[in-house]
């Protein structure tokens, strides 16, 4: 994912999009 601006501990999961309700691999 190209969500570099979303620097949260949840990014460690590898799929921060899931927490946002966004389609995984959208970036």
Protein backbone atom coordinates (compact mmCIF):
# COMPACT_ATOMS: atom_id res chain seq x y z
CA UNK A 1 0.00 0.00 0.00
CA UNK A 2 1.16 3.51 -0.74
CA UNK A 3 -0.34 5.05 2.36
CA UNK A 4 2.92 6.48 3.66
CA UNK A 5 1.07 9.51 5.03
CA UNK A 6 -0.84 7.18 7.32
CA UNK A 7 1.93 6.44 9.81
CA UNK A 8 0.09 4.60 12.56
CA UNK A 9 0.90 1.51 14.64
CA UNK A 10 -1.79 -0.31 12.65
CA UNK A 11 0.39 -0.05 9.56
CA UNK A 12 2.44 -2.87 11.05
CA UNK A 13 -0.41 -5.19 10.09
CA UNK A 14 0.51 -4.58 6.47
CA UNK A 15 -3.07 -3.73 5.53
CA UNK A 16 -3.96 -0.37 7.11
CA UNK A 17 -6.64 -0.03 4.44
CA UNK A 18 -8.75 -2.61 6.26
CA UNK A 19 -9.00 -0.30 9.26
CA UNK A 20 -10.09 2.54 6.99
CA UNK A 21 -12.60 0.46 5.08
CA UNK A 22 -10.65 0.99 1.88
CA UNK A 23 -10.03 -1.67 -0.75
CA UNK A 24 -6.75 -3.47 0.10
CA UNK A 25 -4.00 -2.68 -2.41
CA UNK A 26 -5.83 0.40 -3.65
CA UNK A 27 -2.58 2.38 -3.62
